[in-house]
Protein backbone atom coordinates (compact mmCIF):
# COMPACT_ATOMS: atom_id res chain seq x y z
CA UNK A 1 13.99 -5.38 0.38
CA UNK A 2 11.10 -4.94 -2.03
CA UNK A 3 10.34 -2.10 -4.43
CA UNK A 4 6.83 -0.64 -4.41
CA UNK A 5 5.61 0.42 -7.84
CA UNK A 6 2.32 2.26 -8.20
CA UNK A 7 -0.22 1.36 -10.87
CA UNK A 8 -0.58 3.81 -13.77
CA UNK A 9 -3.50 3.66 -16.18
CA UNK A 10 -3.29 4.31 -19.93
CA UNK A 11 -3.73 8.06 -19.37
CA UNK A 12 -0.80 8.19 -16.95
CA UNK A 13 -2.93 8.53 -13.82
CA UNK A 14 -1.82 6.80 -10.63
CA UNK A 15 -4.98 6.43 -8.50
CA UNK A 16 -3.23 5.33 -5.31
CA UNK A 17 -0.64 8.10 -5.50
CA UNK A 18 -3.42 10.62 -6.18
CA UNK A 19 -5.38 9.30 -3.19
CA UNK A 20 -2.33 9.56 -0.91
CA UNK A 21 -1.55 13.11 -2.10
CA UNK A 22 -5.15 14.19 -1.43
CA UNK A 23 -5.11 13.10 2.22
CA UNK A 24 -4.25 15.40 5.14
CA UNK A 25 -0.52 15.54 5.95
CA UNK A 26 -0.72 13.33 9.08
CA UNK A 27 -2.62 10.64 7.18
CA UNK A 28 -0.21 10.92 4.25
CA UNK A 29 2.80 10.52 6.54
CA UNK A 30 1.35 7.38 8.13
CA UNK A 31 0.35 5.86 4.78
CA UNK A 32 3.82 6.47 3.35
CA UNK A 33 5.42 5.03 6.50
CA UNK A 34 3.38 1.86 6.04
CA UNK A 35 4.30 1.67 2.35
CA UNK A 36 7.92 1.89 3.54
CA UNK A 37 7.31 -0.99 5.96
CA UNK A 38 5.85 -3.00 3.10
CA UNK A 39 9.05 -2.35 1.13
CA UNK A 40 11.11 -3.59 4.09
CA UNK A 41 9.03 -6.62 5.04
CA UNK A 42 7.49 -7.65 1.71
CA UNK A 43 5.64 -10.94 1.84
CA UNK A 44 6.37 -11.37 5.56
CA UNK A 45 4.22 -8.31 6.42
CA UNK A 46 1.18 -9.95 8.06
CA UNK A 47 -1.98 -9.20 10.02
CA UNK A 48 -3.00 -6.85 11.48
CA UNK A 49 -0.89 -4.66 9.15
CA UNK A 50 -1.50 -6.53 5.92
CA UNK A 51 -3.75 -9.39 4.90
CA UNK A 52 -4.43 -11.66 1.97
CA UNK A 53 -7.67 -10.77 0.17
CA UNK A 54 -7.88 -13.53 -2.42
CA UNK A 55 -5.44 -15.45 -4.57
CA UNK A 56 -2.37 -13.24 -5.01
CA UNK A 57 -4.15 -10.04 -3.97
CA UNK A 58 -3.28 -8.45 -0.60
CA UNK A 59 -4.31 -5.33 1.28
CA UNK A 60 -2.29 -2.90 3.35
CA UNK A 61 -4.43 -2.18 6.44
CA UNK A 62 -3.90 1.29 7.89
CA UNK A 63 -5.91 2.51 10.87
CA UNK A 64 -6.28 6.24 11.51
CA UNK A 65 -8.55 6.91 14.51
CA UNK A 66 -12.01 5.96 13.23
CA UNK A 67 -10.86 5.64 9.60
CA UNK A 68 -9.59 2.47 8.00
CA UNK A 69 -7.52 2.82 4.83
CA UNK A 70 -7.00 -0.18 2.58
CA UNK A 71 -4.52 -0.23 -0.29
CA UNK A 72 -4.55 -3.28 -2.53
CA UNK A 73 -1.29 -4.76 -3.78
CA UNK A 74 0.30 -7.88 -5.23
CA UNK A 75 3.80 -9.21 -5.73
CA UNK A 76 5.39 -9.58 -9.14
CA UNK A 77 8.82 -10.74 -10.22
CA UNK A 78 12.12 -9.45 -8.81
CA UNK A 79 10.71 -8.45 -5.42
CA UNK A 80 8.40 -5.74 -6.77
């Protein structure tokens, strides 16, 4: 199992968390479910659900009707 940690800037803002919180409830539930799947599957989470962008940068690929949500992520030490 992996642990998902959100990025915080110097002012304490977490852009991805803020984005998720600003979405409608159904979208938010699906996004959080996919983040949970990423925690479970980690690096084995592959296309069409996740994909490598470049180098060590990956994207979580969430489809909601005609909307496509992409959340960028990378792996660090200790399965985070």
